[in-house]
Amino acid sequence: MKAQERDRGASAVEFAIVAPILVLMLLGILAFGHAFHVQSVLSNAARDGVRVMALQDTSSGADPQTEARQTAITSAAPSASVAADQITITPATCEAASTVGPGTATVTISYPMQLLGGFGSVTLTGKGTMRCNG
């Protein structure tokens, strides 16, 4: 009987030791899953933007094409709210890509993401590359 009285509350102490570790692991899994989701959204948005550029881009009327690329990117990434200054397009137009043979266009999106809990930030990058004119 004496041994049972000494063991009372042992499981509560063990749980108090293990619970913070389990909570931190759970929060880490959630933060990684969120970052993975945002990375996937950025990659898809970059692919959509470069697809618009590669298939529709011409030197005449560059402003509507820039707007079309921006619209394609923002509609593909509604949860990320990508700003125009976070998007890098190389080259500026598909006609400037290459005079000999088909060139390639690349859209890169750099997105600073705040980590869960405000423990810093990380820059995620989505990149899409496509041959110009299909």
N, C-alpha and C. Protein backbone atom coordinates (compact mmCIF):
# COMPACT_ATOMS: atom_id res chain seq x y z
N MET A 1 0.81 -1.19 0.00
CA MET A 1 0.00 0.00 0.00
C MET A 1 0.86 1.25 0.00
N LYS A 2 2.00 1.19 0.61
CA LYS A 2 2.85 2.36 0.72
C LYS A 2 3.35 2.80 -0.66
N ALA A 3 3.62 1.85 -1.56
CA ALA A 3 4.14 2.17 -2.89
C ALA A 3 3.08 2.90 -3.72
N GLN A 4 1.82 2.52 -3.55
CA GLN A 4 0.77 3.18 -4.33
C GLN A 4 0.60 4.63 -3.90
N GLU A 5 0.77 4.93 -2.66
CA GLU A 5 0.63 6.29 -2.19
C GLU A 5 1.75 7.18 -2.72
N ARG A 6 2.95 6.61 -2.90
CA ARG A 6 4.06 7.40 -3.41
C ARG A 6 3.92 7.67 -4.91
N ASP A 7 3.23 6.82 -5.64
CA ASP A 7 3.09 6.95 -7.08
C ASP A 7 1.92 7.85 -7.49
N ARG A 8 1.12 8.26 -6.54
CA ARG A 8 -0.02 9.12 -6.87
C ARG A 8 0.48 10.44 -7.43
N GLY A 9 -0.08 10.85 -8.55
CA GLY A 9 0.31 12.12 -9.15
C GLY A 9 1.51 12.02 -10.08
N ALA A 10 2.10 10.86 -10.21
CA ALA A 10 3.27 10.70 -11.08
C ALA A 10 2.90 10.94 -12.55
N SER A 11 1.74 10.47 -12.93
CA SER A 11 1.33 10.67 -14.33
C SER A 11 1.06 12.14 -14.62
N ALA A 12 0.56 12.89 -13.65
CA ALA A 12 0.33 14.33 -13.85
C ALA A 12 1.65 15.07 -14.00
N VAL A 13 2.65 14.68 -13.25
CA VAL A 13 3.98 15.30 -13.38
C VAL A 13 4.60 14.96 -14.73
N GLU A 14 4.48 13.72 -15.16
CA GLU A 14 5.02 13.31 -16.45
C GLU A 14 4.31 14.06 -17.59
N PHE A 15 3.01 14.22 -17.47
CA PHE A 15 2.27 14.96 -18.49
C PHE A 15 2.71 16.42 -18.51
N ALA A 16 2.94 17.01 -17.34
CA ALA A 16 3.38 18.40 -17.27
C ALA A 16 4.76 18.57 -17.91
N ILE A 17 5.59 17.56 -17.88
CA ILE A 17 6.91 17.63 -18.51
C ILE A 17 6.80 17.45 -20.02
N VAL A 18 5.96 16.54 -20.47
CA VAL A 18 5.87 16.19 -21.89
C VAL A 18 4.95 17.13 -22.68
N ALA A 19 3.94 17.71 -22.05
CA ALA A 19 2.94 18.53 -22.75
C ALA A 19 3.55 19.73 -23.50
N PRO A 20 4.46 20.51 -22.90
CA PRO A 20 5.03 21.63 -23.68
C PRO A 20 5.79 21.17 -24.91
N ILE A 21 6.46 20.05 -24.82
CA ILE A 21 7.20 19.53 -25.98
C ILE A 21 6.23 19.13 -27.08
N LEU A 22 5.14 18.48 -26.71
CA LEU A 22 4.13 18.09 -27.69
C LEU A 22 3.47 19.30 -28.34
N VAL A 23 3.20 20.34 -27.56
CA VAL A 23 2.58 21.55 -28.10
C VAL A 23 3.54 22.24 -29.07
N LEU A 24 4.83 22.32 -28.72
CA LEU A 24 5.82 22.91 -29.63
C LEU A 24 5.93 22.12 -30.93
N MET A 25 5.90 20.80 -30.83
CA MET A 25 5.95 19.97 -32.04
C MET A 25 4.72 20.22 -32.90
N LEU A 26 3.56 20.33 -32.30
CA LEU A 26 2.33 20.57 -33.03
C LEU A 26 2.38 21.94 -33.74
N LEU A 27 2.83 22.96 -33.02
CA LEU A 27 2.95 24.29 -33.63
C LEU A 27 3.98 24.30 -34.76
N GLY A 28 5.07 23.56 -34.60
CA GLY A 28 6.07 23.45 -35.66
C GLY A 28 5.50 22.78 -36.91
N ILE A 29 4.71 21.75 -36.71
CA ILE A 29 4.08 21.07 -37.84
C ILE A 29 3.11 22.00 -38.55
N LEU A 30 2.33 22.76 -37.78
CA LEU A 30 1.40 23.72 -38.38
C LEU A 30 2.14 24.81 -39.15
N ALA A 31 3.22 25.33 -38.58
CA ALA A 31 3.99 26.38 -39.25
C ALA A 31 4.62 25.86 -40.54
N PHE A 32 5.17 24.66 -40.50
CA PHE A 32 5.76 24.07 -41.71
C PHE A 32 4.70 23.82 -42.77
N GLY A 33 3.55 23.32 -42.36
CA GLY A 33 2.46 23.09 -43.31
C GLY A 33 1.98 24.36 -43.96
N HIS A 34 1.89 25.43 -43.18
CA HIS A 34 1.48 26.73 -43.73
C HIS A 34 2.51 27.25 -44.72
N ALA A 35 3.79 27.16 -44.36
CA ALA A 35 4.86 27.61 -45.27
C ALA A 35 4.87 26.77 -46.55
N PHE A 36 4.64 25.48 -46.44
CA PHE A 36 4.60 24.62 -47.62
C PHE A 36 3.43 25.00 -48.52
N HIS A 37 2.29 25.31 -47.92
CA HIS A 37 1.13 25.74 -48.70
C HIS A 37 1.41 27.05 -49.44
N VAL A 38 1.98 28.03 -48.75
CA VAL A 38 2.29 29.31 -49.38
C VAL A 38 3.31 29.11 -50.50
N GLN A 39 4.32 28.26 -50.28
CA GLN A 39 5.31 27.98 -51.33
C GLN A 39 4.65 27.37 -52.56
N SER A 40 3.72 26.47 -52.36
CA SER A 40 3.00 25.86 -53.47
C SER A 40 2.16 26.89 -54.22
N VAL A 41 1.49 27.77 -53.47
CA VAL A 41 0.68 28.82 -54.09
C VAL A 41 1.56 29.76 -54.91
N LEU A 42 2.73 30.12 -54.39
CA LEU A 42 3.63 31.02 -55.12
C LEU A 42 4.16 30.37 -56.39
N SER A 43 4.49 29.10 -56.33
CA SER A 43 4.96 28.39 -57.52
C SER A 43 3.88 28.34 -58.60
N ASN A 44 2.64 28.06 -58.19
CA ASN A 44 1.53 28.03 -59.14
C ASN A 44 1.26 29.41 -59.73
N ALA A 45 1.36 30.45 -58.91
CA ALA A 45 1.15 31.81 -59.40
C ALA A 45 2.24 32.21 -60.39
N ALA A 46 3.47 31.84 -60.13
CA ALA A 46 4.56 32.15 -61.06
C ALA A 46 4.36 31.41 -62.38
N ARG A 47 3.92 30.16 -62.30
CA ARG A 47 3.65 29.42 -63.54
C ARG A 47 2.52 30.06 -64.34
N ASP A 48 1.47 30.50 -63.66
CA ASP A 48 0.36 31.16 -64.36
C ASP A 48 0.82 32.47 -64.99
N GLY A 49 1.62 33.23 -64.28
CA GLY A 49 2.11 34.50 -64.81
C GLY A 49 3.02 34.30 -66.01
N VAL A 50 3.92 33.34 -65.96
CA VAL A 50 4.81 33.11 -67.09
C VAL A 50 4.05 32.51 -68.28
N ARG A 51 3.00 31.77 -68.01
CA ARG A 51 2.18 31.23 -69.10
C ARG A 51 1.50 32.36 -69.86
N VAL A 52 0.96 33.33 -69.13
CA VAL A 52 0.34 34.49 -69.78
C VAL A 52 1.38 35.25 -70.58
N MET A 53 2.56 35.42 -70.01
CA MET A 53 3.62 36.15 -70.69
C MET A 53 4.08 35.42 -71.95
N ALA A 54 4.30 34.14 -71.84
CA ALA A 54 4.83 33.37 -72.97
C ALA A 54 3.84 33.23 -74.11
N LEU A 55 2.56 33.17 -73.80
CA LEU A 55 1.58 32.94 -74.85
C LEU A 55 0.96 34.20 -75.42
N GLN A 56 0.92 35.29 -74.64
CA GLN A 56 0.20 36.48 -75.09
C GLN A 56 1.07 37.71 -75.21
N ASP A 57 2.32 37.67 -74.81
CA ASP A 57 3.13 38.88 -74.72
C ASP A 57 3.59 39.36 -76.09
N THR A 58 3.41 40.63 -76.34
CA THR A 58 3.90 41.29 -77.54
C THR A 58 4.50 42.63 -77.14
N SER A 59 5.34 43.18 -78.01
CA SER A 59 5.96 44.46 -77.66
C SER A 59 4.98 45.61 -77.77
N SER A 60 3.99 45.50 -78.67
CA SER A 60 2.98 46.54 -78.76
C SER A 60 1.93 46.30 -77.69
N GLY A 61 1.61 47.34 -76.97
CA GLY A 61 0.60 47.20 -75.91
C GLY A 61 1.15 46.50 -74.69
N ALA A 62 2.35 46.88 -74.25
CA ALA A 62 2.99 46.21 -73.13
C ALA A 62 2.23 46.42 -71.82
N ASP A 63 1.59 47.57 -71.67
CA ASP A 63 0.89 47.83 -70.42
C ASP A 63 -0.27 46.86 -70.17
N PRO A 64 -1.13 46.56 -71.18
CA PRO A 64 -2.18 45.56 -70.91
C PRO A 64 -1.61 44.18 -70.61
N GLN A 65 -0.47 43.84 -71.21
CA GLN A 65 0.12 42.53 -70.95
C GLN A 65 0.68 42.47 -69.54
N THR A 66 1.29 43.55 -69.09
CA THR A 66 1.78 43.59 -67.72
C THR A 66 0.61 43.45 -66.75
N GLU A 67 -0.48 44.11 -67.06
CA GLU A 67 -1.67 44.00 -66.22
C GLU A 67 -2.24 42.58 -66.26
N ALA A 68 -2.19 41.94 -67.43
CA ALA A 68 -2.68 40.57 -67.55
C ALA A 68 -1.82 39.61 -66.74
N ARG A 69 -0.51 39.80 -66.76
CA ARG A 69 0.38 38.95 -65.95
C ARG A 69 0.09 39.15 -64.47
N GLN A 70 -0.02 40.41 -64.06
CA GLN A 70 -0.27 40.72 -62.65
C GLN A 70 -1.62 40.14 -62.21
N THR A 71 -2.62 40.24 -63.07
CA THR A 71 -3.94 39.69 -62.74
C THR A 71 -3.87 38.18 -62.62
N ALA A 72 -3.13 37.52 -63.52
CA ALA A 72 -3.00 36.06 -63.46
C ALA A 72 -2.29 35.64 -62.17
N ILE A 73 -1.27 36.39 -61.78
CA ILE A 73 -0.52 36.04 -60.58
C ILE A 73 -1.36 36.27 -59.33
N THR A 74 -2.02 37.42 -59.24
CA THR A 74 -2.80 37.70 -58.03
C THR A 74 -4.03 36.81 -57.92
N SER A 75 -4.62 36.42 -59.05
CA SER A 75 -5.77 35.53 -58.95
C SER A 75 -5.34 34.10 -58.61
N ALA A 76 -4.11 33.73 -58.95
CA ALA A 76 -3.63 32.40 -58.60
C ALA A 76 -3.15 32.33 -57.16
N ALA A 77 -2.84 33.49 -56.57
CA ALA A 77 -2.35 33.51 -55.19
C ALA A 77 -3.17 34.48 -54.34
N PRO A 78 -4.46 34.21 -54.14
CA PRO A 78 -5.27 35.16 -53.37
C PRO A 78 -4.90 35.22 -51.89
N SER A 79 -4.39 34.13 -51.34
CA SER A 79 -4.06 34.13 -49.92
C SER A 79 -2.70 34.77 -49.64
N ALA A 80 -1.88 34.94 -50.67
CA ALA A 80 -0.54 35.48 -50.46
C ALA A 80 -0.48 36.99 -50.65
N SER A 81 -1.41 37.59 -51.36
CA SER A 81 -1.44 39.02 -51.67
C SER A 81 -0.08 39.52 -52.14
N VAL A 82 0.30 39.07 -53.33
CA VAL A 82 1.59 39.39 -53.93
C VAL A 82 1.54 40.80 -54.52
N ALA A 83 2.52 41.62 -54.17
CA ALA A 83 2.61 42.98 -54.69
C ALA A 83 3.46 42.97 -55.96
N ALA A 84 3.32 44.02 -56.76
CA ALA A 84 4.03 44.10 -58.04
C ALA A 84 5.55 44.16 -57.84
N ASP A 85 6.02 44.75 -56.76
CA ASP A 85 7.46 44.85 -56.54
C ASP A 85 8.09 43.54 -56.08
N GLN A 86 7.29 42.54 -55.80
CA GLN A 86 7.80 41.22 -55.41
C GLN A 86 7.96 40.30 -56.61
N ILE A 87 7.60 40.77 -57.80
CA ILE A 87 7.63 39.95 -59.00
C ILE A 87 8.79 40.40 -59.88
N THR A 88 9.63 39.45 -60.30
CA THR A 88 10.73 39.72 -61.22
C THR A 88 10.47 38.94 -62.50
N ILE A 89 10.50 39.65 -63.63
CA ILE A 89 10.24 39.02 -64.93
C ILE A 89 11.51 39.15 -65.76
N THR A 90 12.00 38.04 -66.27
CA THR A 90 13.20 38.01 -67.09
C THR A 90 12.92 37.23 -68.35
N PRO A 91 13.09 37.76 -69.51
CA PRO A 91 13.28 39.16 -69.89
C PRO A 91 11.97 39.93 -69.76
N ALA A 92 12.02 41.23 -70.05
CA ALA A 92 10.82 42.06 -69.88
C ALA A 92 9.71 41.64 -70.83
N THR A 93 10.05 41.26 -72.03
CA THR A 93 9.06 40.74 -72.99
C THR A 93 9.63 39.49 -73.64
N CYS A 94 8.77 38.68 -74.19
CA CYS A 94 9.24 37.47 -74.86
C CYS A 94 9.98 37.79 -76.15
N GLU A 95 9.64 38.90 -76.78
CA GLU A 95 10.33 39.28 -78.01
C GLU A 95 11.77 39.67 -77.73
N ALA A 96 12.07 40.09 -76.51
CA ALA A 96 13.44 40.44 -76.15
C ALA A 96 14.23 39.22 -75.69
N ALA A 97 13.58 38.05 -75.60
CA ALA A 97 14.24 36.86 -75.08
C ALA A 97 15.34 36.35 -76.00
N SER A 98 15.06 36.26 -77.28
CA SER A 98 16.05 35.72 -78.20
C SER A 98 15.67 36.05 -79.63
N THR A 99 16.65 36.39 -80.41
CA THR A 99 16.40 36.60 -81.83
C THR A 99 16.67 35.34 -82.62
N VAL A 100 17.41 34.39 -82.06
CA VAL A 100 17.71 33.13 -82.73
C VAL A 100 17.05 32.01 -81.93
N GLY A 101 16.02 31.41 -82.50
CA GLY A 101 15.34 30.32 -81.83
C GLY A 101 14.43 30.80 -80.73
N PRO A 102 13.70 29.89 -80.14
CA PRO A 102 12.78 30.28 -79.08
C PRO A 102 13.52 30.59 -77.78
N GLY A 103 13.17 31.70 -77.17
CA GLY A 103 13.75 32.06 -75.89
C GLY A 103 12.87 31.55 -74.76
N THR A 104 13.32 31.76 -73.57
CA THR A 104 12.53 31.37 -72.41
C THR A 104 12.24 32.59 -71.55
N ALA A 105 11.09 32.57 -70.94
CA ALA A 105 10.68 33.64 -70.02
C ALA A 105 10.63 33.05 -68.62
N THR A 106 11.01 33.86 -67.65
CA THR A 106 11.01 33.41 -66.26
C THR A 106 10.32 34.45 -65.39
N VAL A 107 9.43 34.00 -64.54
CA VAL A 107 8.78 34.85 -63.54
C VAL A 107 9.16 34.31 -62.17
N THR A 108 9.72 35.19 -61.35
CA THR A 108 10.13 34.83 -60.00
C THR A 108 9.38 35.72 -59.01
N ILE A 109 8.78 35.09 -58.02
CA ILE A 109 8.05 35.82 -56.98
C ILE A 109 8.77 35.59 -55.66
N SER A 110 9.23 36.68 -55.03
CA SER A 110 9.86 36.61 -53.70
C SER A 110 8.85 37.16 -52.70
N TYR A 111 8.47 36.34 -51.75
CA TYR A 111 7.41 36.70 -50.82
C TYR A 111 7.92 36.54 -49.38
N PRO A 112 8.00 37.64 -48.62
CA PRO A 112 8.39 37.52 -47.21
C PRO A 112 7.19 37.05 -46.38
N MET A 113 7.36 35.94 -45.71
CA MET A 113 6.26 35.38 -44.92
C MET A 113 6.60 35.45 -43.44
N GLN A 114 5.69 35.97 -42.67
CA GLN A 114 5.83 36.05 -41.22
C GLN A 114 5.57 34.67 -40.63
N LEU A 115 6.47 34.19 -39.79
CA LEU A 115 6.28 32.90 -39.16
C LEU A 115 5.18 32.98 -38.11
N LEU A 116 4.58 31.83 -37.80
CA LEU A 116 3.52 31.78 -36.80
C LEU A 116 4.06 32.22 -35.44
N GLY A 117 3.32 33.05 -34.79
CA GLY A 117 3.72 33.54 -33.48
C GLY A 117 4.64 34.74 -33.53
N GLY A 118 4.99 35.22 -34.73
CA GLY A 118 5.84 36.39 -34.85
C GLY A 118 7.29 36.14 -34.48
N PHE A 119 7.77 34.92 -34.65
CA PHE A 119 9.15 34.58 -34.30
C PHE A 119 10.11 34.80 -35.45
N GLY A 120 9.86 35.78 -36.30
CA GLY A 120 10.73 36.07 -37.42
C GLY A 120 10.00 35.91 -38.73
N SER A 121 10.75 36.01 -39.80
CA SER A 121 10.16 35.85 -41.13
C SER A 121 11.12 35.07 -42.01
N VAL A 122 10.57 34.53 -43.07
CA VAL A 122 11.34 33.78 -44.04
C VAL A 122 10.87 34.22 -45.42
N THR A 123 11.80 34.29 -46.38
CA THR A 123 11.44 34.68 -47.74
C THR A 123 11.23 33.43 -48.58
N LEU A 124 10.03 33.26 -49.08
CA LEU A 124 9.70 32.14 -49.95
C LEU A 124 9.76 32.59 -51.39
N THR A 125 10.16 31.70 -52.29
CA THR A 125 10.32 32.06 -53.70
C THR A 125 9.57 31.06 -54.57
N GLY A 126 8.74 31.61 -55.47
CA GLY A 126 8.08 30.79 -56.48
C GLY A 126 8.64 31.16 -57.84
N LYS A 127 8.94 30.17 -58.65
CA LYS A 127 9.59 30.43 -59.94
C LYS A 127 8.91 29.61 -61.03
N GLY A 128 8.65 30.27 -62.15
CA GLY A 128 8.06 29.60 -63.30
C GLY A 128 8.84 29.96 -64.55
N THR A 129 9.14 28.97 -65.38
CA THR A 129 9.87 29.19 -66.63
C THR A 129 9.12 28.50 -67.76
N MET A 130 9.03 29.19 -68.90
CA MET A 130 8.32 28.64 -70.05
C MET A 130 8.95 29.16 -71.33
N ARG A 131 8.91 28.35 -72.35
CA ARG A 131 9.41 28.77 -73.65
C ARG A 131 8.47 29.81 -74.24
N CYS A 132 9.01 30.86 -74.80
CA CYS A 132 8.20 31.93 -75.37
C CYS A 132 7.44 31.44 -76.60
N ASN A 133 6.26 31.97 -76.77
CA ASN A 133 5.38 31.69 -77.91
C ASN A 133 5.01 30.22 -78.01
N GLY A 134 4.75 29.62 -76.86
CA GLY A 134 4.24 28.27 -76.83
C GLY A 134 5.28 27.24 -76.89
